[in-house]
Amino acid sequence: MSGTLNKVMLIGHLGDEVKMHYFEGGNSIGRFPVATNENYTNKQTGEKVTNTDWHNVVVRNKAAEICEKYLSKGDKIYVEGRLKTRQWQGEDGNTRYATEVHVQDFKFLSTKRDSEVNAQQQQSVAQNNQGQSSTPAPAVSEPQPEDDLPF
């Protein structure tokens, strides 16, 4: 293979709200951290271990505005993009580096609001099931209309 490839795909949860930066000319950048987890069982101790990696994510212009509007801390997202490293001089004079994922495509997988609604629905279903007697009510069948469809 003679070419090169710089591609990153992540599925993770937002670690903070989207921070927006606006520039002259109407351009904008949104930045937010995404956490990905690795779960495994330690063979020697048998304990379950979770390692979390944090990724700095950068989105631009309209995509940044969409992310700011719809995403909040804890939401699950799929991002696809390129790794870029930038450097700058810190206040102490030392050179600092940051590796970022510059997003080319993204998809909202679940929002914190969705998770809260699902949890409330599951809780209300569980409460309704507890309130019912152990014998199910007899099913009432209604007459079915005649179909003239051949299948």
C-alpha atoms as a PDB file:
ATOM      1  CA  MET A   1       0.000   0.000   0.000  1.00  0.00           C
ATOM      2  CA  SER A   2       1.598   3.229  -1.083  1.00  0.00           C
ATOM      3  CA  GLY A   3      -0.764   5.737   0.585  1.00  0.00           C
ATOM      4  CA  THR A   4      -1.291   6.647   4.189  1.00  0.00           C
ATOM      5  CA  LEU A   5      -4.388   6.692   6.351  1.00  0.00           C
ATOM      6  CA  ASN A   6      -5.329   8.849   9.305  1.00  0.00           C
ATOM      7  CA  LYS A   7      -8.758   7.733  10.497  1.00  0.00           C
ATOM      8  CA  VAL A   8     -10.273   7.484  13.964  1.00  0.00           C
ATOM      9  CA  MET A   9     -13.645   6.010  14.927  1.00  0.00           C
ATOM     10  CA  LEU A  10     -14.884   6.361  18.504  1.00  0.00           C
ATOM     11  CA  ILE A  11     -18.058   5.449  20.353  1.00  0.00           C
ATOM     12  CA  GLY A  12     -18.142   6.970  23.792  1.00  0.00           C
ATOM     13  CA  HIS A  13     -19.792   9.305  26.244  1.00  0.00           C
ATOM     14  CA  LEU A  14     -19.349  13.072  26.515  1.00  0.00           C
ATOM     15  CA  GLY A  15     -17.353  14.020  29.583  1.00  0.00           C
ATOM     16  CA  ASP A  16     -18.481  17.653  29.562  1.00  0.00           C
ATOM     17  CA  GLU A  17     -20.666  20.133  27.721  1.00  0.00           C
ATOM     18  CA  VAL A  18     -19.614  21.340  24.255  1.00  0.00           C
ATOM     19  CA  LYS A  19     -17.414  24.439  24.599  1.00  0.00           C
ATOM     20  CA  MET A  20     -17.861  26.833  21.661  1.00  0.00           C
ATOM     21  CA  HIS A  21     -15.346  29.327  20.277  1.00  0.00           C
ATOM     22  CA  TYR A  22     -16.432  31.875  17.654  1.00  0.00           C
ATOM     23  CA  PHE A  23     -14.178  33.647  15.176  1.00  0.00           C
ATOM     24  CA  GLU A  24     -14.429  36.588  12.812  1.00  0.00           C
ATOM     25  CA  GLY A  25     -16.187  35.708   9.594  1.00  0.00           C
ATOM     26  CA  GLY A  26     -18.764  33.477  11.290  1.00  0.00           C
ATOM     27  CA  ASN A  27     -16.612  30.378  11.763  1.00  0.00           C
ATOM     28  CA  SER A  28     -16.792  28.413  14.991  1.00  0.00           C
ATOM     29  CA  ILE A  29     -15.192  25.459  16.747  1.00  0.00           C
ATOM     30  CA  GLY A  30     -16.741  23.201  19.356  1.00  0.00           C
ATOM     31  CA  ARG A  31     -14.590  21.149  21.722  1.00  0.00           C
ATOM     32  CA  PHE A  32     -15.598  18.359  24.076  1.00  0.00           C
ATOM     33  CA  PRO A  33     -14.021  15.301  25.706  1.00  0.00           C
ATOM     34  CA  VAL A  34     -15.229  11.783  24.877  1.00  0.00           C
ATOM     35  CA  ALA A  35     -14.606   8.844  27.211  1.00  0.00           C
ATOM     36  CA  THR A  36     -14.157   5.298  25.916  1.00  0.00           C
ATOM     37  CA  ASN A  37     -13.953   2.305  28.228  1.00  0.00           C
ATOM     38  CA  GLU A  38     -12.129  -1.004  28.088  1.00  0.00           C
ATOM     39  CA  ASN A  39     -13.527  -3.723  30.352  1.00  0.00           C
ATOM     40  CA  TYR A  40     -11.743  -6.957  31.193  1.00  0.00           C
ATOM     41  CA  THR A  41     -11.256  -9.428  34.023  1.00  0.00           C
ATOM     42  CA  ASN A  42      -7.843  -9.663  35.654  1.00  0.00           C
ATOM     43  CA  LYS A  43      -6.805 -13.325  35.256  1.00  0.00           C
ATOM     44  CA  GLN A  44      -4.762 -13.406  38.460  1.00  0.00           C
ATOM     45  CA  THR A  45      -7.207 -11.721  40.840  1.00  0.00           C
ATOM     46  CA  GLY A  46     -10.503 -12.376  39.035  1.00  0.00           C
ATOM     47  CA  GLU A  47     -11.616  -8.784  39.558  1.00  0.00           C
ATOM     48  CA  LYS A  48     -13.301  -6.787  36.829  1.00  0.00           C
ATOM     49  CA  VAL A  49     -11.221  -3.850  35.614  1.00  0.00           C
ATOM     50  CA  THR A  50     -12.387  -0.814  33.648  1.00  0.00           C
ATOM     51  CA  ASN A  51      -9.878   1.473  31.944  1.00  0.00           C
ATOM     52  CA  THR A  52     -11.160   4.816  30.657  1.00  0.00           C
ATOM     53  CA  ASP A  53      -9.410   6.758  27.906  1.00  0.00           C
ATOM     54  CA  TRP A  54     -10.233  10.410  27.253  1.00  0.00           C
ATOM     55  CA  HIS A  55     -10.178  11.890  23.760  1.00  0.00           C
ATOM     56  CA  ASN A  56     -10.247  15.583  22.847  1.00  0.00           C
ATOM     57  CA  VAL A  57     -12.810  16.069  20.073  1.00  0.00           C
ATOM     58  CA  VAL A  58     -13.056  19.109  17.779  1.00  0.00           C
ATOM     59  CA  VAL A  59     -16.000  19.921  15.494  1.00  0.00           C
ATOM     60  CA  ARG A  60     -16.281  22.924  13.206  1.00  0.00           C
ATOM     61  CA  ASN A  61     -18.890  25.438  12.068  1.00  0.00           C
ATOM     62  CA  LYS A  62     -22.438  24.086  11.556  1.00  0.00           C
ATOM     63  CA  ALA A  63     -21.561  20.670  13.014  1.00  0.00           C
ATOM     64  CA  ALA A  64     -20.284  22.413  16.153  1.00  0.00           C
ATOM     65  CA  GLU A  65     -23.515  24.366  16.509  1.00  0.00           C
ATOM     66  CA  ILE A  66     -25.566  21.164  16.125  1.00  0.00           C
ATOM     67  CA  CYS A  67     -23.461  19.410  18.767  1.00  0.00           C
ATOM     68  CA  GLU A  68     -23.812  22.353  21.147  1.00  0.00           C
ATOM     69  CA  LYS A  69     -27.593  22.399  20.684  1.00  0.00           C
ATOM     70  CA  TYR A  70     -28.306  18.682  21.110  1.00  0.00           C
ATOM     71  CA  LEU A  71     -25.483  17.163  23.170  1.00  0.00           C
ATOM     72  CA  SER A  72     -24.912  17.306  26.894  1.00  0.00           C
ATOM     73  CA  LYS A  73     -22.609  15.619  29.380  1.00  0.00           C
ATOM     74  CA  GLY A  74     -23.154  11.859  29.484  1.00  0.00           C
ATOM     75  CA  ASP A  75     -24.616  11.505  25.974  1.00  0.00           C
ATOM     76  CA  LYS A  76     -23.356   8.661  23.802  1.00  0.00           C
ATOM     77  CA  ILE A  77     -21.933   9.619  20.402  1.00  0.00           C
ATOM     78  CA  TYR A  78     -20.158   8.079  17.425  1.00  0.00           C
ATOM     79  CA  VAL A  79     -17.434  10.277  15.916  1.00  0.00           C
ATOM     80  CA  GLU A  80     -15.251   9.677  12.902  1.00  0.00           C
ATOM     81  CA  GLY A  81     -12.349  11.889  11.973  1.00  0.00           C
ATOM     82  CA  ARG A  82      -8.602  12.463  11.793  1.00  0.00           C
ATOM     83  CA  LEU A  83      -5.958  12.744  14.501  1.00  0.00           C
ATOM     84  CA  LYS A  84      -4.193  16.083  14.638  1.00  0.00           C
ATOM     85  CA  THR A  85      -1.550  17.234  17.093  1.00  0.00           C
ATOM     86  CA  ARG A  86      -1.100  20.891  17.913  1.00  0.00           C
ATOM     87  CA  GLN A  87       1.550  22.606  19.995  1.00  0.00           C
ATOM     88  CA  TRP A  88       1.789  25.913  21.838  1.00  0.00           C
ATOM     89  CA  GLN A  89       3.902  27.682  24.434  1.00  0.00           C
ATOM     90  CA  GLY A  90       2.498  27.453  27.952  1.00  0.00           C
ATOM     91  CA  GLU A  91       2.533  30.354  30.392  1.00  0.00           C
ATOM     92  CA  ASP A  92       5.530  28.725  32.064  1.00  0.00           C
ATOM     93  CA  GLY A  93       7.456  28.766  28.769  1.00  0.00           C
ATOM     94  CA  ASN A  94       7.255  25.022  28.184  1.00  0.00           C
ATOM     95  CA  THR A  95       6.054  23.639  24.874  1.00  0.00           C
ATOM     96  CA  ARG A  96       2.686  21.897  25.254  1.00  0.00           C
ATOM     97  CA  TYR A  97       1.103  19.332  22.945  1.00  0.00           C
ATOM     98  CA  ALA A  98      -2.465  18.130  22.479  1.00  0.00           C
ATOM     99  CA  THR A  99      -3.708  15.364  20.215  1.00  0.00           C
ATOM    100  CA  GLU A 100      -7.264  15.909  19.001  1.00  0.00           C
ATOM    101  CA  VAL A 101      -9.829  14.097  16.887  1.00  0.00           C
ATOM    102  CA  HIS A 102     -10.990  16.496  14.170  1.00  0.00           C
ATOM    103  CA  VAL A 103     -14.481  15.257  13.324  1.00  0.00           C
ATOM    104  CA  GLN A 104     -15.536  14.559   9.753  1.00  0.00           C
ATOM    105  CA  ASP A 105     -18.724  12.645  10.609  1.00  0.00           C
ATOM    106  CA  PHE A 106     -20.745  12.025  13.757  1.00  0.00           C
ATOM    107  CA  LYS A 107     -23.956  10.416  14.923  1.00  0.00           C
ATOM    108  CA  PHE A 108     -25.884  10.852  18.151  1.00  0.00           C
ATOM    109  CA  LEU A 109     -26.430   7.392  19.645  1.00  0.00           C
ATOM    110  CA  SER A 110     -28.326   8.236  22.808  1.00  0.00           C
ATOM    111  CA  THR A 111     -28.899  11.309  24.850  1.00  0.00           C
ATOM    112  CA  LYS A 112     -28.975  11.603  28.591  1.00  0.00           C
ATOM    113  CA  ARG A 113     -32.596  12.732  28.252  1.00  0.00           C
ATOM    114  CA  ASP A 114     -33.427   9.507  26.359  1.00  0.00           C
ATOM    115  CA  SER A 115     -31.790   7.439  29.086  1.00  0.00           C
ATOM    116  CA  GLU A 116     -33.751   9.271  31.786  1.00  0.00           C
ATOM    117  CA  VAL A 117     -37.044   8.795  29.913  1.00  0.00           C
ATOM    118  CA  ASN A 118     -36.312   5.077  29.373  1.00  0.00           C
ATOM    119  CA  ALA A 119     -35.476   4.649  33.058  1.00  0.00           C
ATOM    120  CA  GLN A 120     -38.716   6.382  34.063  1.00  0.00           C
ATOM    121  CA  GLN A 121     -40.727   4.227  31.650  1.00  0.00           C
ATOM    122  CA  GLN A 122     -39.116   1.037  32.954  1.00  0.00           C
ATOM    123  CA  GLN A 123     -39.766   2.141  36.521  1.00  0.00           C
ATOM    124  CA  SER A 124     -43.453   2.867  35.817  1.00  0.00           C
ATOM    125  CA  VAL A 125     -43.863  -0.505  34.020  1.00  0.00           C
ATOM    126  CA  ALA A 126     -42.295  -2.276  37.007  1.00  0.00           C
ATOM    127  CA  GLN A 127     -44.622  -0.441  39.386  1.00  0.00           C
ATOM    128  CA  ASN A 128     -47.648  -1.326  37.240  1.00  0.00           C
ATOM    129  CA  ASN A 129     -46.599  -4.980  37.141  1.00  0.00           C
ATOM    130  CA  GLN A 130     -46.249  -5.042  40.931  1.00  0.00           C
ATOM    131  CA  GLY A 131     -49.738  -3.612  41.343  1.00  0.00           C
ATOM    132  CA  GLN A 132     -51.374  -6.319  39.185  1.00  0.00           C
ATOM    133  CA  SER A 133     -52.521  -9.642  40.580  1.00  0.00           C
ATOM    134  CA  SER A 134     -50.596 -12.792  39.762  1.00  0.00           C
ATOM    135  CA  THR A 135     -53.425 -14.175  37.606  1.00  0.00           C
ATOM    136  CA  PRO A 136     -53.589 -12.489  34.232  1.00  0.00           C
ATOM    137  CA  ALA A 137     -56.879 -11.045  33.074  1.00  0.00           C
ATOM    138  CA  PRO A 138     -58.613 -13.060  30.357  1.00  0.00           C
ATOM    139  CA  ALA A 139     -57.964 -11.781  26.877  1.00  0.00           C
ATOM    140  CA  VAL A 140     -60.929 -10.312  25.082  1.00  0.00           C
ATOM    141  CA  SER A 141     -60.947 -11.011  21.393  1.00  0.00           C
ATOM    142  CA  GLU A 142     -62.660  -8.648  19.052  1.00  0.00           C
ATOM    143  CA  PRO A 143     -64.057  -9.852  15.743  1.00  0.00           C
ATOM    144  CA  GLN A 144     -61.527  -9.360  12.947  1.00  0.00           C
ATOM    145  CA  PRO A 145     -62.687  -7.494   9.825  1.00  0.00           C
ATOM    146  CA  GLU A 146     -62.714  -9.467   6.609  1.00  0.00           C
ATOM    147  CA  ASP A 147     -59.752  -8.780   4.337  1.00  0.00           C
ATOM    148  CA  ASP A 148     -60.053  -9.043   0.610  1.00  0.00           C
ATOM    149  CA  LEU A 149     -56.270  -9.192   0.233  1.00  0.00           C
ATOM    150  CA  PRO A 150     -54.930 -12.387  -1.395  1.00  0.00           C
ATOM    151  CA  PHE A 151     -52.106 -12.782   1.152  1.00  0.00           C
END
